[in-house]
Structures are given as C-alpha cells and as structure tokens.
PDB file of N, CA and C in Angstrom:
ATOM      1  N   MET A   1     129.447 -20.782 -32.888  1.00  0.00           N
ATOM      2  CA  MET A   1     130.195 -21.910 -32.731  1.00  0.00           C
ATOM      3  C   MET A   1     130.346 -22.966 -32.179  1.00  0.00           C
ATOM      4  N   ALA A   2     129.965 -24.185 -32.344  1.00  0.00           N
ATOM      5  CA  ALA A   2     130.264 -25.106 -31.647  1.00  0.00           C
ATOM      6  C   ALA A   2     131.793 -25.741 -30.772  1.00  0.00           C
ATOM      7  N   LYS A   3     132.091 -26.171 -29.750  1.00  0.00           N
ATOM      8  CA  LYS A   3     133.355 -26.359 -29.388  1.00  0.00           C
ATOM      9  C   LYS A   3     133.462 -27.707 -28.958  1.00  0.00           C
ATOM     10  N   PHE A   4     134.512 -28.265 -29.562  1.00  0.00           N
ATOM     11  CA  PHE A   4     134.855 -29.606 -30.102  1.00  0.00           C
ATOM     12  C   PHE A   4     136.355 -29.489 -28.981  1.00  0.00           C
ATOM     13  N   PHE A   5     136.428 -31.067 -28.417  1.00  0.00           N
ATOM     14  CA  PHE A   5     137.250 -31.824 -27.554  1.00  0.00           C
ATOM     15  C   PHE A   5     138.025 -32.550 -28.648  1.00  0.00           C
ATOM     16  N   TYR A   6     139.253 -32.878 -28.855  1.00  0.00           N
ATOM     17  CA  TYR A   6     139.911 -33.835 -29.366  1.00  0.00           C
ATOM     18  C   TYR A   6     140.753 -34.788 -28.465  1.00  0.00           C
ATOM     19  N   VAL A   7     140.814 -35.764 -29.136  1.00  0.00           N
ATOM     20  CA  VAL A   7     141.926 -37.071 -28.822  1.00  0.00           C
ATOM     21  C   VAL A   7     142.456 -37.323 -29.965  1.00  0.00           C
ATOM     22  N   TYR A   8     143.944 -36.993 -30.052  1.00  0.00           N
ATOM     23  CA  TYR A   8     144.705 -37.555 -30.863  1.00  0.00           C
ATOM     24  C   TYR A   8     145.760 -38.447 -30.711  1.00  0.00           C
ATOM     25  N   VAL A   9     146.486 -38.671 -31.675  1.00  0.00           N
ATOM     26  CA  VAL A   9     147.604 -39.587 -31.635  1.00  0.00           C
ATOM     27  C   VAL A   9     148.586 -38.927 -32.661  1.00  0.00           C
ATOM     28  N   LEU A  10     149.420 -38.699 -32.078  1.00  0.00           N
ATOM     29  CA  LEU A  10     150.932 -38.327 -32.771  1.00  0.00           C
ATOM     30  C   LEU A  10     151.745 -39.407 -33.260  1.00  0.00           C
ATOM     31  N   GLN A  11     152.851 -39.026 -33.854  1.00  0.00           N
ATOM     32  CA  GLN A  11     153.851 -39.871 -34.462  1.00  0.00           C
ATOM     33  C   GLN A  11     154.964 -39.313 -34.361  1.00  0.00           C
ATOM     34  N   SER A  12     155.981 -39.802 -33.994  1.00  0.00           N
ATOM     35  CA  SER A  12     157.754 -39.167 -33.829  1.00  0.00           C
ATOM     36  C   SER A  12     158.311 -39.358 -35.531  1.00  0.00           C
ATOM     37  N   HIS A  13     158.537 -37.973 -35.386  1.00  0.00           N
ATOM     38  CA  HIS A  13     159.775 -37.913 -37.059  1.00  0.00           C
ATOM     39  C   HIS A  13     160.927 -38.737 -36.509  1.00  0.00           C
ATOM     40  N   VAL A  14     161.394 -38.733 -35.061  1.00  0.00           N
ATOM     41  CA  VAL A  14     162.357 -38.964 -34.767  1.00  0.00           C
ATOM     42  C   VAL A  14     162.689 -40.773 -34.786  1.00  0.00           C
ATOM     43  N   ASP A  15     161.594 -40.878 -34.101  1.00  0.00           N
ATOM     44  CA  ASP A  15     161.115 -42.611 -34.091  1.00  0.00           C
ATOM     45  C   ASP A  15     160.132 -42.926 -34.601  1.00  0.00           C
ATOM     46  N   PRO A  16     159.959 -43.309 -36.030  1.00  0.00           N
ATOM     47  CA  PRO A  16     158.459 -43.205 -36.294  1.00  0.00           C
ATOM     48  C   PRO A  16     157.738 -44.410 -35.991  1.00  0.00           C
ATOM     49  N   GLU A  17     157.932 -45.560 -34.785  1.00  0.00           N
ATOM     50  CA  GLU A  17     157.192 -46.089 -34.247  1.00  0.00           C
ATOM     51  C   GLU A  17     157.018 -45.925 -32.981  1.00  0.00           C
ATOM     52  N   ARG A  18     157.315 -44.566 -32.247  1.00  0.00           N
ATOM     53  CA  ARG A  18     156.802 -43.966 -30.957  1.00  0.00           C
ATOM     54  C   ARG A  18     155.629 -43.024 -31.805  1.00  0.00           C
ATOM     55  N   PHE A  19     154.592 -43.444 -30.939  1.00  0.00           N
ATOM     56  CA  PHE A  19     153.281 -42.554 -30.924  1.00  0.00           C
ATOM     57  C   PHE A  19     153.102 -42.067 -29.252  1.00  0.00           C
ATOM     58  N   TYR A  20     152.589 -40.977 -29.474  1.00  0.00           N
ATOM     59  CA  TYR A  20     151.646 -40.465 -28.472  1.00  0.00           C
ATOM     60  C   TYR A  20     150.087 -39.804 -28.652  1.00  0.00           C
ATOM     61  N   THR A  21     149.630 -40.532 -27.679  1.00  0.00           N
ATOM     62  CA  THR A  21     147.977 -40.118 -27.356  1.00  0.00           C
ATOM     63  C   THR A  21     147.415 -39.291 -26.164  1.00  0.00           C
ATOM     64  N   GLY A  22     146.701 -37.894 -26.890  1.00  0.00           N
ATOM     65  CA  GLY A  22     146.290 -36.913 -25.964  1.00  0.00           C
ATOM     66  C   GLY A  22     144.654 -36.739 -26.271  1.00  0.00           C
ATOM     67  N   LEU A  23     144.001 -35.871 -25.201  1.00  0.00           N
ATOM     68  CA  LEU A  23     143.094 -34.950 -25.266  1.00  0.00           C
ATOM     69  C   LEU A  23     143.600 -33.648 -25.117  1.00  0.00           C
ATOM     70  N   THR A  24     142.596 -32.892 -25.701  1.00  0.00           N
ATOM     71  CA  THR A  24     142.717 -31.050 -26.022  1.00  0.00           C
ATOM     72  C   THR A  24     141.385 -31.091 -26.487  1.00  0.00           C
ATOM     73  N   ASP A  25     141.348 -29.638 -25.872  1.00  0.00           N
ATOM     74  CA  ASP A  25     140.395 -28.519 -26.534  1.00  0.00           C
ATOM     75  C   ASP A  25     140.695 -27.802 -27.901  1.00  0.00           C
ATOM     76  N   HIS A  26     142.247 -27.738 -28.197  1.00  0.00           N
ATOM     77  CA  HIS A  26     142.947 -26.216 -28.868  1.00  0.00           C
ATOM     78  C   HIS A  26     144.107 -27.492 -29.575  1.00  0.00           C
ATOM     79  N   LEU A  27     143.432 -28.281 -31.038  1.00  0.00           N
ATOM     80  CA  LEU A  27     144.198 -29.329 -31.264  1.00  0.00           C
ATOM     81  C   LEU A  27     145.997 -28.917 -31.939  1.00  0.00           C
ATOM     82  N   PHE A  28     145.835 -27.569 -32.520  1.00  0.00           N
ATOM     83  CA  PHE A  28     146.905 -27.203 -33.368  1.00  0.00           C
ATOM     84  C   PHE A  28     147.666 -26.225 -32.298  1.00  0.00           C
ATOM     85  N   VAL A  29     147.485 -25.863 -31.230  1.00  0.00           N
ATOM     86  CA  VAL A  29     148.128 -25.163 -30.011  1.00  0.00           C
ATOM     87  C   VAL A  29     148.728 -26.141 -29.580  1.00  0.00           C
ATOM     88  N   ARG A  30     148.022 -27.268 -29.011  1.00  0.00           N
ATOM     89  CA  ARG A  30     148.857 -27.963 -28.814  1.00  0.00           C
ATOM     90  C   ARG A  30     149.844 -29.127 -29.079  1.00  0.00           C
ATOM     91  N   LEU A  31     149.630 -29.300 -30.439  1.00  0.00           N
ATOM     92  CA  LEU A  31     150.931 -29.329 -31.649  1.00  0.00           C
ATOM     93  C   LEU A  31     151.837 -29.110 -31.809  1.00  0.00           C
ATOM     94  N   LYS A  32     151.699 -27.577 -31.649  1.00  0.00           N
ATOM     95  CA  LYS A  32     152.564 -26.580 -31.691  1.00  0.00           C
ATOM     96  C   LYS A  32     153.557 -26.509 -30.225  1.00  0.00           C
ATOM     97  N   ARG A  33     152.676 -27.028 -29.313  1.00  0.00           N
ATOM     98  CA  ARG A  33     153.401 -27.187 -28.115  1.00  0.00           C
ATOM     99  C   ARG A  33     154.529 -28.579 -27.649  1.00  0.00           C
ATOM    100  N   HIS A  34     153.760 -29.238 -28.231  1.00  0.00           N
ATOM    101  CA  HIS A  34     154.691 -30.813 -28.493  1.00  0.00           C
ATOM    102  C   HIS A  34     155.945 -30.750 -29.443  1.00  0.00           C
ATOM    103  N   ASN A  35     155.891 -29.684 -30.431  1.00  0.00           N
ATOM    104  CA  ASN A  35     156.767 -29.769 -31.180  1.00  0.00           C
ATOM    105  C   ASN A  35     157.666 -28.862 -30.806  1.00  0.00           C
ATOM    106  N   SER A  36     157.714 -27.917 -30.329  1.00  0.00           N
ATOM    107  CA  SER A  36     158.266 -26.718 -29.200  1.00  0.00           C
ATOM    108  C   SER A  36     159.151 -27.199 -28.152  1.00  0.00           C
ATOM    109  N   GLY A  37     158.911 -28.325 -28.076  1.00  0.00           N
ATOM    110  CA  GLY A  37     159.380 -29.070 -26.703  1.00  0.00           C
ATOM    111  C   GLY A  37     159.039 -28.335 -25.329  1.00  0.00           C
ATOM    112  N   GLN A  38     157.865 -28.394 -25.350  1.00  0.00           N
ATOM    113  CA  GLN A  38     157.091 -27.918 -24.067  1.00  0.00           C
ATOM    114  C   GLN A  38     156.439 -28.823 -23.355  1.00  0.00           C
ATOM    115  N   VAL A  39     155.910 -30.003 -24.147  1.00  0.00           N
ATOM    116  CA  VAL A  39     155.103 -30.927 -23.383  1.00  0.00           C
ATOM    117  C   VAL A  39     156.357 -32.032 -22.693  1.00  0.00           C
ATOM    118  N   LEU A  40     156.937 -32.298 -21.365  1.00  0.00           N
ATOM    119  CA  LEU A  40     157.950 -33.000 -21.044  1.00  0.00           C
ATOM    120  C   LEU A  40     157.492 -34.657 -21.260  1.00  0.00           C
ATOM    121  N   HIS A  41     156.397 -35.095 -21.560  1.00  0.00           N
ATOM    122  CA  HIS A  41     156.721 -36.633 -22.027  1.00  0.00           C
ATOM    123  C   HIS A  41     156.626 -36.625 -23.615  1.00  0.00           C
ATOM    124  N   THR A  42     156.918 -35.926 -24.563  1.00  0.00           N
ATOM    125  CA  THR A  42     157.326 -35.787 -26.039  1.00  0.00           C
ATOM    126  C   THR A  42     158.221 -34.919 -26.296  1.00  0.00           C
ATOM    127  N   ALA A  43     159.112 -34.309 -25.356  1.00  0.00           N
ATOM    128  CA  ALA A  43     159.972 -33.304 -25.905  1.00  0.00           C
ATOM    129  C   ALA A  43     160.996 -33.977 -26.401  1.00  0.00           C
ATOM    130  N   LYS A  44     161.376 -35.242 -25.945  1.00  0.00           N
ATOM    131  CA  LYS A  44     162.252 -36.256 -26.101  1.00  0.00           C
ATOM    132  C   LYS A  44     162.783 -36.706 -27.764  1.00  0.00           C
ATOM    133  N   TRP A  45     161.491 -36.746 -28.078  1.00  0.00           N
ATOM    134  CA  TRP A  45     161.324 -37.605 -29.657  1.00  0.00           C
ATOM    135  C   TRP A  45     160.815 -36.440 -30.695  1.00  0.00           C
ATOM    136  N   LYS A  46     160.395 -34.937 -30.436  1.00  0.00           N
ATOM    137  CA  LYS A  46     159.817 -34.060 -31.337  1.00  0.00           C
ATOM    138  C   LYS A  46     160.821 -34.547 -32.467  1.00  0.00           C
ATOM    139  N   LEU A  47     160.297 -34.054 -34.062  1.00  0.00           N
ATOM    140  CA  LEU A  47     159.531 -33.448 -33.864  1.00  0.00           C
ATOM    141  C   LEU A  47     158.509 -34.186 -33.880  1.00  0.00           C
ATOM    142  N   TRP A  48     156.740 -33.857 -34.126  1.00  0.00           N
ATOM    143  CA  TRP A  48     155.882 -34.924 -34.152  1.00  0.00           C
ATOM    144  C   TRP A  48     155.067 -34.468 -35.319  1.00  0.00           C
ATOM    145  N   ARG A  49     154.158 -35.306 -35.923  1.00  0.00           N
ATOM    146  CA  ARG A  49     153.194 -34.816 -36.839  1.00  0.00           C
ATOM    147  C   ARG A  49     151.941 -35.632 -36.275  1.00  0.00           C
ATOM    148  N   LEU A  50     150.774 -35.118 -36.679  1.00  0.00           N
ATOM    149  CA  LEU A  50     149.289 -35.553 -36.208  1.00  0.00           C
ATOM    150  C   LEU A  50     149.006 -36.740 -37.210  1.00  0.00           C
ATOM    151  N   LYS A  51     148.902 -37.641 -36.538  1.00  0.00           N
ATOM    152  CA  LYS A  51     148.991 -39.127 -37.342  1.00  0.00           C
ATOM    153  C   LYS A  51     147.139 -39.063 -37.390  1.00  0.00           C
ATOM    154  N   THR A  52     146.007 -38.878 -36.254  1.00  0.00           N
ATOM    155  CA  THR A  52     144.814 -39.067 -36.417  1.00  0.00           C
ATOM    156  C   THR A  52     144.418 -38.332 -35.455  1.00  0.00           C
ATOM    157  N   TYR A  53     142.902 -37.807 -35.549  1.00  0.00           N
ATOM    158  CA  TYR A  53     141.945 -37.652 -34.349  1.00  0.00           C
ATOM    159  C   TYR A  53     140.706 -37.759 -34.810  1.00  0.00           C
ATOM    160  N   VAL A  54     140.012 -37.455 -33.045  1.00  0.00           N
ATOM    161  CA  VAL A  54     138.721 -37.331 -33.457  1.00  0.00           C
ATOM    162  C   VAL A  54     138.308 -36.286 -32.371  1.00  0.00           C
ATOM    163  N   ALA A  55     137.124 -35.744 -33.269  1.00  0.00           N
ATOM    164  CA  ALA A  55     136.610 -34.288 -32.526  1.00  0.00           C
ATOM    165  C   ALA A  55     135.252 -35.358 -31.642  1.00  0.00           C
ATOM    166  N   PHE A  56     135.160 -34.775 -30.720  1.00  0.00           N
ATOM    167  CA  PHE A  56     133.743 -34.699 -30.164  1.00  0.00           C
ATOM    168  C   PHE A  56     133.133 -33.250 -29.564  1.00  0.00           C
ATOM    169  N   SER A  57     131.977 -33.383 -29.760  1.00  0.00           N
ATOM    170  CA  SER A  57     131.072 -31.921 -29.311  1.00  0.00           C
ATOM    171  C   SER A  57     131.004 -31.969 -27.508  1.00  0.00           C
ATOM    172  N   ASP A  58     131.020 -33.335 -27.021  1.00  0.00           N
ATOM    173  CA  ASP A  58     130.804 -33.465 -25.819  1.00  0.00           C
ATOM    174  C   ASP A  58     132.015 -33.818 -24.836  1.00  0.00           C
ATOM    175  N   ARG A  59     132.412 -32.813 -24.025  1.00  0.00           N
ATOM    176  CA  ARG A  59     133.924 -33.149 -23.343  1.00  0.00           C
ATOM    177  C   ARG A  59     133.473 -34.786 -22.601  1.00  0.00           C
ATOM    178  N   SER A  60     132.273 -35.071 -22.066  1.00  0.00           N
ATOM    179  CA  SER A  60     132.180 -36.406 -21.454  1.00  0.00           C
ATOM    180  C   SER A  60     132.437 -37.797 -22.313  1.00  0.00           C
ATOM    181  N   LEU A  61     132.313 -37.571 -23.690  1.00  0.00           N
ATOM    182  CA  LEU A  61     132.317 -38.771 -24.452  1.00  0.00           C
ATOM    183  C   LEU A  61     134.019 -38.707 -24.917  1.00  0.00           C
ATOM    184  N   GLU A  62     134.940 -37.794 -24.648  1.00  0.00           N
ATOM    185  CA  GLU A  62     136.230 -38.285 -24.950  1.00  0.00           C
ATOM    186  C   GLU A  62     137.142 -39.023 -24.522  1.00  0.00           C
ATOM    187  N   GLY A  63     136.864 -39.421 -23.514  1.00  0.00           N
ATOM    188  CA  GLY A  63     137.647 -40.285 -22.542  1.00  0.00           C
ATOM    189  C   GLY A  63     136.882 -41.621 -22.854  1.00  0.00           C
ATOM    190  N   ARG A  64     136.459 -41.829 -23.405  1.00  0.00           N
ATOM    191  CA  ARG A  64     135.873 -43.393 -23.158  1.00  0.00           C
ATOM    192  C   ARG A  64     136.594 -44.105 -24.629  1.00  0.00           C
ATOM    193  N   ASN A  65     136.327 -45.473 -24.586  1.00  0.00           N
ATOM    194  CA  ASN A  65     137.370 -46.254 -25.326  1.00  0.00           C
ATOM    195  C   ASN A  65     136.478 -45.916 -26.973  1.00  0.00           C
ATOM    196  N   LEU A  66     137.267 -45.815 -27.912  1.00  0.00           N
ATOM    197  CA  LEU A  66     136.674 -45.381 -29.456  1.00  0.00           C
ATOM    198  C   LEU A  66     136.336 -46.212 -30.064  1.00  0.00           C
ATOM    199  N   SER A  67     136.343 -47.466 -29.353  1.00  0.00           N
ATOM    200  CA  SER A  67     136.093 -48.871 -30.123  1.00  0.00           C
ATOM    201  C   SER A  67     134.241 -48.831 -29.494  1.00  0.00           C
ATOM    202  N   GLY A  68     133.917 -48.422 -28.815  1.00  0.00           N
ATOM    203  CA  GLY A  68     132.555 -48.270 -28.423  1.00  0.00           C
ATOM    204  C   GLY A  68     132.302 -49.473 -27.459  1.00  0.00           C
ATOM    205  N   THR A  69     133.328 -49.962 -26.991  1.00  0.00           N
ATOM    206  CA  THR A  69     133.413 -50.979 -25.705  1.00  0.00           C
ATOM    207  C   THR A  69     133.368 -50.565 -24.392  1.00  0.00           C
TER     208      THR A  69
END
C-alpha cells in the first residue's frame, strides 16, 4: 500500500473565521490531536473540522505551492 502525505486545512467550530493549515502523514490521527488540545497552536480554538486536504505520494511535493507557481 502506498504511503501518502497530506496538506490539510482545518476550520474552527468556535471561530469559523479561524483556519489552520498543516502537513502530516497521518491525517485523522493528526485531526484527533488538534481536537484533543495536544497541538499548542490550535488548542485555543478547538474543536476543528477538516475543511479540505490534498494527498501526495511524494513527500518532496507536499511543501510546494498548490497553485503550481
């Protein structure tokens, strides 16, 4: 089975104008960490919902600008 890496965007339930973008190789484990308050940068605005994500099979691609520029 291929391993994927994810760029994801979260939206806060507490403040719907608050978004967070991150990188991970375990998307749903990472979302659970955000929602349990284990991630310092997002703990104040939990709970979070997954707004969108993009999966990459090559880790070298995940940090690039998604618009292709």
